[in-house]
Amino acid sequence: MSDPSEEVYGPDRAERLLAMLRALAERIQALDRAGQLLERGPELQKLLGNARSELFHYEVRLTYDTPEVAESRRIVEEAERRTRDSAWGSEDDEDDE
């Protein structure tokens, strides 16, 4: 099972993503100033991969359910099912008359 903290993209995690992107931008600029941008390809690949992965999690954050949201969704679905079941029951009663 996955770590529950991976399922929630809160403000703290968003701030860490911003810091990661800013650090990546600064690193690229520093390597460019030093004339090592292309020579440090493996380092950049790793940094870019980490940023890409975290950006992906950020983009799909709305598909994640916190335990509270999942419970709320379950309650609503159960109430809707009961409403449908009782509506069907009353239609059956009317047909019997």
PDB file of N, CA and C in Angstrom:
ATOM      1  N   MET A   1       0.851  -1.189   0.000  1.00  0.00           N
ATOM      2  CA  MET A   1       0.000   0.000   0.000  1.00  0.00           C
ATOM      3  C   MET A   1       0.884   1.235   0.000  1.00  0.00           C
ATOM      4  N   SER A   2       0.442   2.303  -0.651  1.00  0.00           N
ATOM      5  CA  SER A   2       1.246   3.510  -0.759  1.00  0.00           C
ATOM      6  C   SER A   2       1.178   4.328   0.530  1.00  0.00           C
ATOM      7  N   ASP A   3       2.161   5.181   0.668  1.00  0.00           N
ATOM      8  CA  ASP A   3       2.248   6.083   1.802  1.00  0.00           C
ATOM      9  C   ASP A   3       1.119   7.114   1.684  1.00  0.00           C
ATOM     10  N   PRO A   4       0.281   7.271   2.731  1.00  0.00           N
ATOM     11  CA  PRO A   4      -0.824   8.232   2.644  1.00  0.00           C
ATOM     12  C   PRO A   4      -0.365   9.649   2.341  1.00  0.00           C
ATOM     13  N   SER A   5       0.842  10.026   2.764  1.00  0.00           N
ATOM     14  CA  SER A   5       1.317  11.375   2.485  1.00  0.00           C
ATOM     15  C   SER A   5       1.542  11.583   0.995  1.00  0.00           C
ATOM     16  N   GLU A   6       1.725  10.506   0.235  1.00  0.00           N
ATOM     17  CA  GLU A   6       1.876  10.599  -1.204  1.00  0.00           C
ATOM     18  C   GLU A   6       0.549  10.902  -1.880  1.00  0.00           C
ATOM     19  N   GLU A   7      -0.562  10.685  -1.191  1.00  0.00           N
ATOM     20  CA  GLU A   7      -1.873  10.853  -1.784  1.00  0.00           C
ATOM     21  C   GLU A   7      -2.434  12.258  -1.607  1.00  0.00           C
ATOM     22  N   VAL A   8      -1.786  13.057  -0.804  1.00  0.00           N
ATOM     23  CA  VAL A   8      -2.285  14.403  -0.522  1.00  0.00           C
ATOM     24  C   VAL A   8      -1.248  15.410  -1.002  1.00  0.00           C
ATOM     25  N   TYR A   9      -1.697  16.376  -1.748  1.00  0.00           N
ATOM     26  CA  TYR A   9      -0.784  17.410  -2.226  1.00  0.00           C
ATOM     27  C   TYR A   9      -1.173  18.716  -1.571  1.00  0.00           C
ATOM     28  N   GLY A  10      -0.684  18.899  -0.357  1.00  0.00           N
ATOM     29  CA  GLY A  10      -1.029  20.077   0.416  1.00  0.00           C
ATOM     30  C   GLY A  10      -0.092  21.238   0.161  1.00  0.00           C
ATOM     31  N   PRO A  11      -0.294  22.317   0.883  1.00  0.00           N
ATOM     32  CA  PRO A  11       0.513  23.530   0.691  1.00  0.00           C
ATOM     33  C   PRO A  11       1.999  23.311   0.963  1.00  0.00           C
ATOM     34  N   ASP A  12       2.329  22.483   1.955  1.00  0.00           N
ATOM     35  CA  ASP A  12       3.741  22.235   2.262  1.00  0.00           C
ATOM     36  C   ASP A  12       4.434  21.544   1.092  1.00  0.00           C
ATOM     37  N   ARG A  13       3.751  20.562   0.529  1.00  0.00           N
ATOM     38  CA  ARG A  13       4.339  19.833  -0.590  1.00  0.00           C
ATOM     39  C   ARG A  13       4.442  20.736  -1.822  1.00  0.00           C
ATOM     40  N   ALA A  14       3.475  21.600  -2.027  1.00  0.00           N
ATOM     41  CA  ALA A  14       3.539  22.543  -3.146  1.00  0.00           C
ATOM     42  C   ALA A  14       4.723  23.494  -2.972  1.00  0.00           C
ATOM     43  N   GLU A  15       4.965  23.929  -1.753  1.00  0.00           N
ATOM     44  CA  GLU A  15       6.124  24.805  -1.491  1.00  0.00           C
ATOM     45  C   GLU A  15       7.431  24.073  -1.780  1.00  0.00           C
ATOM     46  N   ARG A  16       7.499  22.791  -1.420  1.00  0.00           N
ATOM     47  CA  ARG A  16       8.713  22.008  -1.719  1.00  0.00           C
ATOM     48  C   ARG A  16       8.909  21.872  -3.226  1.00  0.00           C
ATOM     49  N   LEU A  17       7.818  21.716  -3.976  1.00  0.00           N
ATOM     50  CA  LEU A  17       7.920  21.640  -5.431  1.00  0.00           C
ATOM     51  C   LEU A  17       8.439  22.957  -5.992  1.00  0.00           C
ATOM     52  N   LEU A  18       7.909  24.060  -5.517  1.00  0.00           N
ATOM     53  CA  LEU A  18       8.403  25.359  -5.972  1.00  0.00           C
ATOM     54  C   LEU A  18       9.890  25.516  -5.677  1.00  0.00           C
ATOM     55  N   ALA A  19      10.311  25.117  -4.491  1.00  0.00           N
ATOM     56  CA  ALA A  19      11.726  25.206  -4.130  1.00  0.00           C
ATOM     57  C   ALA A  19      12.568  24.322  -5.041  1.00  0.00           C
ATOM     58  N   MET A  20      12.060  23.136  -5.359  1.00  0.00           N
ATOM     59  CA  MET A  20      12.780  22.220  -6.243  1.00  0.00           C
ATOM     60  C   MET A  20      12.954  22.836  -7.632  1.00  0.00           C
ATOM     61  N   LEU A  21      11.894  23.431  -8.154  1.00  0.00           N
ATOM     62  CA  LEU A  21      11.968  24.040  -9.481  1.00  0.00           C
ATOM     63  C   LEU A  21      12.904  25.244  -9.492  1.00  0.00           C
ATOM     64  N   ARG A  22      12.856  26.027  -8.443  1.00  0.00           N
ATOM     65  CA  ARG A  22      13.752  27.189  -8.358  1.00  0.00           C
ATOM     66  C   ARG A  22      15.211  26.748  -8.257  1.00  0.00           C
ATOM     67  N   ALA A  23      15.460  25.704  -7.469  1.00  0.00           N
ATOM     68  CA  ALA A  23      16.822  25.183  -7.341  1.00  0.00           C
ATOM     69  C   ALA A  23      17.313  24.626  -8.678  1.00  0.00           C
ATOM     70  N   LEU A  24      16.439  23.965  -9.404  1.00  0.00           N
ATOM     71  CA  LEU A  24      16.799  23.458 -10.726  1.00  0.00           C
ATOM     72  C   LEU A  24      17.164  24.618 -11.648  1.00  0.00           C
ATOM     73  N   ALA A  25      16.349  25.656 -11.648  1.00  0.00           N
ATOM     74  CA  ALA A  25      16.619  26.819 -12.495  1.00  0.00           C
ATOM     75  C   ALA A  25      17.961  27.462 -12.120  1.00  0.00           C
ATOM     76  N   GLU A  26      18.224  27.593 -10.835  1.00  0.00           N
ATOM     77  CA  GLU A  26      19.486  28.178 -10.382  1.00  0.00           C
ATOM     78  C   GLU A  26      20.668  27.313 -10.792  1.00  0.00           C
ATOM     79  N   ARG A  27      20.507  25.990 -10.684  1.00  0.00           N
ATOM     80  CA  ARG A  27      21.594  25.076 -11.051  1.00  0.00           C
ATOM     81  C   ARG A  27      21.878  25.170 -12.546  1.00  0.00           C
ATOM     82  N   ILE A  28      20.854  25.217 -13.344  1.00  0.00           N
ATOM     83  CA  ILE A  28      21.041  25.350 -14.793  1.00  0.00           C
ATOM     84  C   ILE A  28      21.776  26.652 -15.109  1.00  0.00           C
ATOM     85  N   GLN A  29      21.377  27.730 -14.478  1.00  0.00           N
ATOM     86  CA  GLN A  29      22.036  29.020 -14.717  1.00  0.00           C
ATOM     87  C   GLN A  29      23.502  28.988 -14.282  1.00  0.00           C
ATOM     88  N   ALA A  30      23.771  28.361 -13.134  1.00  0.00           N
ATOM     89  CA  ALA A  30      25.149  28.282 -12.639  1.00  0.00           C
ATOM     90  C   ALA A  30      26.010  27.451 -13.588  1.00  0.00           C
ATOM     91  N   LEU A  31      25.489  26.321 -14.048  1.00  0.00           N
ATOM     92  CA  LEU A  31      26.255  25.492 -14.984  1.00  0.00           C
ATOM     93  C   LEU A  31      26.472  26.231 -16.305  1.00  0.00           C
ATOM     94  N   ASP A  32      25.472  26.982 -16.733  1.00  0.00           N
ATOM     95  CA  ASP A  32      25.604  27.749 -17.972  1.00  0.00           C
ATOM     96  C   ASP A  32      26.688  28.809 -17.828  1.00  0.00           C
ATOM     97  N   ARG A  33      26.682  29.521 -16.705  1.00  0.00           N
ATOM     98  CA  ARG A  33      27.707  30.550 -16.479  1.00  0.00           C
ATOM     99  C   ARG A  33      29.107  29.940 -16.449  1.00  0.00           C
ATOM    100  N   ALA A  34      29.208  28.718 -15.927  1.00  0.00           N
ATOM    101  CA  ALA A  34      30.508  28.047 -15.835  1.00  0.00           C
ATOM    102  C   ALA A  34      30.876  27.340 -17.133  1.00  0.00           C
ATOM    103  N   GLY A  35      29.993  27.374 -18.118  1.00  0.00           N
ATOM    104  CA  GLY A  35      30.269  26.704 -19.385  1.00  0.00           C
ATOM    105  C   GLY A  35      30.221  25.193 -19.291  1.00  0.00           C
ATOM    106  N   GLN A  36      29.481  24.649 -18.313  1.00  0.00           N
ATOM    107  CA  GLN A  36      29.431  23.201 -18.081  1.00  0.00           C
ATOM    108  C   GLN A  36      28.039  22.615 -18.303  1.00  0.00           C
ATOM    109  N   LEU A  37      27.186  23.352 -18.929  1.00  0.00           N
ATOM    110  CA  LEU A  37      25.800  22.921 -19.066  1.00  0.00           C
ATOM    111  C   LEU A  37      25.684  21.555 -19.727  1.00  0.00           C
ATOM    112  N   LEU A  38      26.345  21.372 -20.843  1.00  0.00           N
ATOM    113  CA  LEU A  38      26.250  20.090 -21.544  1.00  0.00           C
ATOM    114  C   LEU A  38      27.104  19.004 -20.888  1.00  0.00           C
ATOM    115  N   GLU A  39      28.209  19.390 -20.309  1.00  0.00           N
ATOM    116  CA  GLU A  39      29.085  18.412 -19.673  1.00  0.00           C
ATOM    117  C   GLU A  39      28.449  17.769 -18.434  1.00  0.00           C
ATOM    118  N   ARG A  40      27.506  18.445 -17.825  1.00  0.00           N
ATOM    119  CA  ARG A  40      26.868  17.939 -16.603  1.00  0.00           C
ATOM    120  C   ARG A  40      25.524  17.300 -16.910  1.00  0.00           C
ATOM    121  N   GLY A  41      25.416  16.707 -18.077  1.00  0.00           N
ATOM    122  CA  GLY A  41      24.182  16.060 -18.521  1.00  0.00           C
ATOM    123  C   GLY A  41      23.592  15.071 -17.526  1.00  0.00           C
ATOM    124  N   PRO A  42      24.393  14.126 -16.998  1.00  0.00           N
ATOM    125  CA  PRO A  42      23.811  13.159 -16.051  1.00  0.00           C
ATOM    126  C   PRO A  42      23.208  13.816 -14.809  1.00  0.00           C
ATOM    127  N   GLU A  43      23.878  14.819 -14.286  1.00  0.00           N
ATOM    128  CA  GLU A  43      23.343  15.536 -13.120  1.00  0.00           C
ATOM    129  C   GLU A  43      22.018  16.207 -13.476  1.00  0.00           C
ATOM    130  N   LEU A  44      21.989  16.856 -14.632  1.00  0.00           N
ATOM    131  CA  LEU A  44      20.767  17.530 -15.054  1.00  0.00           C
ATOM    132  C   LEU A  44      19.638  16.537 -15.320  1.00  0.00           C
ATOM    133  N   GLN A  45      19.976  15.391 -15.897  1.00  0.00           N
ATOM    134  CA  GLN A  45      18.953  14.366 -16.141  1.00  0.00           C
ATOM    135  C   GLN A  45      18.293  13.945 -14.828  1.00  0.00           C
ATOM    136  N   LYS A  46      19.114  13.761 -13.790  1.00  0.00           N
ATOM    137  CA  LYS A  46      18.566  13.356 -12.489  1.00  0.00           C
ATOM    138  C   LYS A  46      17.683  14.458 -11.910  1.00  0.00           C
ATOM    139  N   LEU A  47      18.168  15.689 -11.928  1.00  0.00           N
ATOM    140  CA  LEU A  47      17.382  16.804 -11.396  1.00  0.00           C
ATOM    141  C   LEU A  47      16.087  16.993 -12.181  1.00  0.00           C
ATOM    142  N   LEU A  48      16.176  16.915 -13.498  1.00  0.00           N
ATOM    143  CA  LEU A  48      14.988  17.053 -14.333  1.00  0.00           C
ATOM    144  C   LEU A  48      14.000  15.909 -14.076  1.00  0.00           C
ATOM    145  N   GLY A  49      14.514  14.707 -13.901  1.00  0.00           N
ATOM    146  CA  GLY A  49      13.646  13.555 -13.624  1.00  0.00           C
ATOM    147  C   GLY A  49      12.898  13.708 -12.308  1.00  0.00           C
ATOM    148  N   ASN A  50      13.604  14.174 -11.290  1.00  0.00           N
ATOM    149  CA  ASN A  50      12.959  14.390  -9.994  1.00  0.00           C
ATOM    150  C   ASN A  50      11.873  15.467 -10.102  1.00  0.00           C
ATOM    151  N   ALA A  51      12.197  16.546 -10.791  1.00  0.00           N
ATOM    152  CA  ALA A  51      11.227  17.633 -10.953  1.00  0.00           C
ATOM    153  C   ALA A  51      10.030  17.160 -11.787  1.00  0.00           C
ATOM    154  N   ARG A  52      10.299  16.412 -12.824  1.00  0.00           N
ATOM    155  CA  ARG A  52       9.215  15.915 -13.686  1.00  0.00           C
ATOM    156  C   ARG A  52       8.272  15.008 -12.905  1.00  0.00           C
ATOM    157  N   SER A  53       8.848  14.130 -12.099  1.00  0.00           N
ATOM    158  CA  SER A  53       8.032  13.219 -11.295  1.00  0.00           C
ATOM    159  C   SER A  53       7.149  13.989 -10.319  1.00  0.00           C
ATOM    160  N   GLU A  54       7.721  14.962  -9.658  1.00  0.00           N
ATOM    161  CA  GLU A  54       6.955  15.741  -8.687  1.00  0.00           C
ATOM    162  C   GLU A  54       5.895  16.597  -9.376  1.00  0.00           C
ATOM    163  N   LEU A  55       6.214  17.133 -10.534  1.00  0.00           N
ATOM    164  CA  LEU A  55       5.224  17.893 -11.297  1.00  0.00           C
ATOM    165  C   LEU A  55       4.055  17.008 -11.716  1.00  0.00           C
ATOM    166  N   PHE A  56       4.354  15.769 -12.076  1.00  0.00           N
ATOM    167  CA  PHE A  56       3.294  14.829 -12.444  1.00  0.00           C
ATOM    168  C   PHE A  56       2.355  14.629 -11.252  1.00  0.00           C
ATOM    169  N   HIS A  57       2.930  14.399 -10.072  1.00  0.00           N
ATOM    170  CA  HIS A  57       2.098  14.224  -8.875  1.00  0.00           C
ATOM    171  C   HIS A  57       1.248  15.463  -8.616  1.00  0.00           C
ATOM    172  N   TYR A  58       1.819  16.618  -8.836  1.00  0.00           N
ATOM    173  CA  TYR A  58       1.073  17.867  -8.638  1.00  0.00           C
ATOM    174  C   TYR A  58      -0.099  17.948  -9.615  1.00  0.00           C
ATOM    175  N   GLU A  59       0.151  17.599 -10.874  1.00  0.00           N
ATOM    176  CA  GLU A  59      -0.891  17.688 -11.900  1.00  0.00           C
ATOM    177  C   GLU A  59      -2.058  16.751 -11.634  1.00  0.00           C
ATOM    178  N   VAL A  60      -1.794  15.587 -11.072  1.00  0.00           N
ATOM    179  CA  VAL A  60      -2.866  14.620 -10.860  1.00  0.00           C
ATOM    180  C   VAL A  60      -3.410  14.648  -9.438  1.00  0.00           C
ATOM    181  N   ARG A  61      -3.021  15.650  -8.676  1.00  0.00           N
ATOM    182  CA  ARG A  61      -3.416  15.695  -7.260  1.00  0.00           C
ATOM    183  C   ARG A  61      -4.917  15.646  -7.060  1.00  0.00           C
ATOM    184  N   LEU A  62      -5.680  16.159  -8.008  1.00  0.00           N
ATOM    185  CA  LEU A  62      -7.130  16.175  -7.843  1.00  0.00           C
ATOM    186  C   LEU A  62      -7.748  14.782  -7.929  1.00  0.00           C
ATOM    187  N   THR A  63      -6.998  13.829  -8.461  1.00  0.00           N
ATOM    188  CA  THR A  63      -7.534  12.471  -8.540  1.00  0.00           C
ATOM    189  C   THR A  63      -7.340  11.727  -7.224  1.00  0.00           C
ATOM    190  N   TYR A  64      -6.513  12.275  -6.338  1.00  0.00           N
ATOM    191  CA  TYR A  64      -6.276  11.624  -5.056  1.00  0.00           C
ATOM    192  C   TYR A  64      -7.408  11.933  -4.087  1.00  0.00           C
ATOM    193  N   ASP A  65      -7.785  10.959  -3.318  1.00  0.00           N
ATOM    194  CA  ASP A  65      -8.769  11.158  -2.254  1.00  0.00           C
ATOM    195  C   ASP A  65      -8.079  11.039  -0.909  1.00  0.00           C
ATOM    196  N   THR A  66      -8.270  12.025  -0.059  1.00  0.00           N
ATOM    197  CA  THR A  66      -7.836  11.876   1.316  1.00  0.00           C
ATOM    198  C   THR A  66      -8.803  10.898   1.967  1.00  0.00           C
ATOM    199  N   PRO A  67      -8.456  10.326   3.094  1.00  0.00           N
ATOM    200  CA  PRO A  67      -9.402   9.435   3.769  1.00  0.00           C
ATOM    201  C   PRO A  67     -10.738  10.118   4.053  1.00  0.00           C
ATOM    202  N   GLU A  68     -10.694  11.404   4.389  1.00  0.00           N
ATOM    203  CA  GLU A  68     -11.927  12.136   4.679  1.00  0.00           C
ATOM    204  C   GLU A  68     -12.791  12.265   3.427  1.00  0.00           C
ATOM    205  N   VAL A  69     -12.164  12.576   2.299  1.00  0.00           N
ATOM    206  CA  VAL A  69     -12.905  12.717   1.044  1.00  0.00           C
ATOM    207  C   VAL A  69     -13.479  11.365   0.623  1.00  0.00           C
ATOM    208  N   ALA A  70     -12.691  10.315   0.768  1.00  0.00           N
ATOM    209  CA  ALA A  70     -13.176   8.976   0.410  1.00  0.00           C
ATOM    210  C   ALA A  70     -14.381   8.593   1.261  1.00  0.00           C
ATOM    211  N   GLU A  71     -14.341   8.900   2.556  1.00  0.00           N
ATOM    212  CA  GLU A  71     -15.465   8.586   3.439  1.00  0.00           C
ATOM    213  C   GLU A  71     -16.692   9.414   3.068  1.00  0.00           C
ATOM    214  N   SER A  72     -16.491  10.680   2.765  1.00  0.00           N
ATOM    215  CA  SER A  72     -17.609  11.526   2.344  1.00  0.00           C
ATOM    216  C   SER A  72     -18.225  11.000   1.057  1.00  0.00           C
ATOM    217  N   ARG A  73     -17.383  10.604   0.116  1.00  0.00           N
ATOM    218  CA  ARG A  73     -17.875  10.056  -1.146  1.00  0.00           C
ATOM    219  C   ARG A  73     -18.685   8.777  -0.898  1.00  0.00           C
ATOM    220  N   ARG A  74     -18.198   7.924   0.011  1.00  0.00           N
ATOM    221  CA  ARG A  74     -18.898   6.681   0.330  1.00  0.00           C
ATOM    222  C   ARG A  74     -20.276   6.979   0.921  1.00  0.00           C
ATOM    223  N   ILE A  75     -20.346   7.951   1.834  1.00  0.00           N
ATOM    224  CA  ILE A  75     -21.612   8.311   2.476  1.00  0.00           C
ATOM    225  C   ILE A  75     -22.607   8.831   1.444  1.00  0.00           C
ATOM    226  N   VAL A  76     -22.148   9.704   0.554  1.00  0.00           N
ATOM    227  CA  VAL A  76     -23.033  10.249  -0.478  1.00  0.00           C
ATOM    228  C   VAL A  76     -23.519   9.140  -1.406  1.00  0.00           C
ATOM    229  N   GLU A  77     -22.610   8.266  -1.836  1.00  0.00           N
ATOM    230  CA  GLU A  77     -23.009   7.172  -2.727  1.00  0.00           C
ATOM    231  C   GLU A  77     -24.012   6.244  -2.057  1.00  0.00           C
ATOM    232  N   GLU A  78     -23.814   5.985  -0.758  1.00  0.00           N
ATOM    233  CA  GLU A  78     -24.753   5.131  -0.026  1.00  0.00           C
ATOM    234  C   GLU A  78     -26.127   5.806   0.080  1.00  0.00           C
ATOM    235  N   ALA A  79     -26.138   7.105   0.353  1.00  0.00           N
ATOM    236  CA  ALA A  79     -27.410   7.839   0.446  1.00  0.00           C
ATOM    237  C   ALA A  79     -28.117   7.843  -0.907  1.00  0.00           C
ATOM    238  N   GLU A  80     -27.355   8.040  -1.982  1.00  0.00           N
ATOM    239  CA  GLU A  80     -27.960   8.015  -3.318  1.00  0.00           C
ATOM    240  C   GLU A  80     -28.539   6.639  -3.624  1.00  0.00           C
ATOM    241  N   ARG A  81     -27.824   5.602  -3.242  1.00  0.00           N
ATOM    242  CA  ARG A  81     -28.309   4.236  -3.480  1.00  0.00           C
ATOM    243  C   ARG A  81     -29.596   3.997  -2.701  1.00  0.00           C
ATOM    244  N   ARG A  82     -29.631   4.429  -1.442  1.00  0.00           N
ATOM    245  CA  ARG A  82     -30.842   4.246  -0.633  1.00  0.00           C
ATOM    246  C   ARG A  82     -32.020   5.015  -1.226  1.00  0.00           C
ATOM    247  N   THR A  83     -31.751   6.225  -1.718  1.00  0.00           N
ATOM    248  CA  THR A  83     -32.806   7.018  -2.342  1.00  0.00           C
ATOM    249  C   THR A  83     -33.342   6.297  -3.573  1.00  0.00           C
ATOM    250  N   ARG A  84     -32.454   5.784  -4.402  1.00  0.00           N
ATOM    251  CA  ARG A  84     -32.890   5.038  -5.593  1.00  0.00           C
ATOM    252  C   ARG A  84     -33.695   3.807  -5.191  1.00  0.00           C
ATOM    253  N   ASP A  85     -33.176   3.078  -4.199  1.00  0.00           N
ATOM    254  CA  ASP A  85     -33.870   1.857  -3.760  1.00  0.00           C
ATOM    255  C   ASP A  85     -35.259   2.173  -3.216  1.00  0.00           C
ATOM    256  N   SER A  86     -35.384   3.244  -2.434  1.00  0.00           N
ATOM    257  CA  SER A  86     -36.702   3.581  -1.884  1.00  0.00           C
ATOM    258  C   SER A  86     -37.623   4.109  -2.980  1.00  0.00           C
ATOM    259  N   ALA A  87     -37.075   4.814  -3.965  1.00  0.00           N
ATOM    260  CA  ALA A  87     -37.895   5.297  -5.081  1.00  0.00           C
ATOM    261  C   ALA A  87     -38.410   4.124  -5.893  1.00  0.00           C
ATOM    262  N   TRP A  88     -37.560   3.148  -6.116  1.00  0.00           N
ATOM    263  CA  TRP A  88     -37.985   1.959  -6.851  1.00  0.00           C
ATOM    264  C   TRP A  88     -39.044   1.196  -6.056  1.00  0.00           C
ATOM    265  N   GLY A  89     -38.881   1.170  -4.747  1.00  0.00           N
ATOM    266  CA  GLY A  89     -39.850   0.479  -3.898  1.00  0.00           C
ATOM    267  C   GLY A  89     -41.212   1.152  -3.966  1.00  0.00           C
ATOM    268  N   SER A  90     -41.243   2.491  -3.973  1.00  0.00           N
ATOM    269  CA  SER A  90     -42.531   3.189  -4.025  1.00  0.00           C
ATOM    270  C   SER A  90     -43.163   3.046  -5.404  1.00  0.00           C
ATOM    271  N   GLU A  91     -42.370   2.946  -6.465  1.00  0.00           N
ATOM    272  CA  GLU A  91     -42.916   2.706  -7.801  1.00  0.00           C
ATOM    273  C   GLU A  91     -43.552   1.325  -7.866  1.00  0.00           C
ATOM    274  N   ASP A  92     -42.921   0.342  -7.222  1.00  0.00           N
ATOM    275  CA  ASP A  92     -43.478  -1.007  -7.184  1.00  0.00           C
ATOM    276  C   ASP A  92     -44.812  -1.014  -6.450  1.00  0.00           C
ATOM    277  N   ASP A  93     -44.891  -0.210  -5.362  1.00  0.00           N
ATOM    278  CA  ASP A  93     -46.131  -0.148  -4.585  1.00  0.00           C
ATOM    279  C   ASP A  93     -47.257   0.439  -5.430  1.00  0.00           C
ATOM    280  N   GLU A  94     -46.942   1.476  -6.245  1.00  0.00           N
ATOM    281  CA  GLU A  94     -47.957   2.091  -7.088  1.00  0.00           C
ATOM    282  C   GLU A  94     -48.428   1.133  -8.158  1.00  0.00           C
ATOM    283  N   ASP A  95     -47.532   0.284  -8.671  1.00  0.00           N
ATOM    284  CA  ASP A  95     -47.905  -0.684  -9.694  1.00  0.00           C
ATOM    285  C   ASP A  95     -48.835  -1.734  -9.140  1.00  0.00           C
ATOM    286  N   ASP A  96     -48.709  -2.021  -7.841  1.00  0.00           N
ATOM    287  CA  ASP A  96     -49.531  -3.055  -7.207  1.00  0.00           C
ATOM    288  C   ASP A  96     -50.968  -2.583  -7.030  1.00  0.00           C
ATOM    289  N   GLU A  97     -51.202  -1.264  -7.041  1.00  0.00           N
ATOM    290  CA  GLU A  97     -52.556  -0.750  -6.767  1.00  0.00           C
ATOM    291  C   GLU A  97     -53.455  -0.841  -7.945  1.00  0.00           C
TER     292      GLU A  97
END
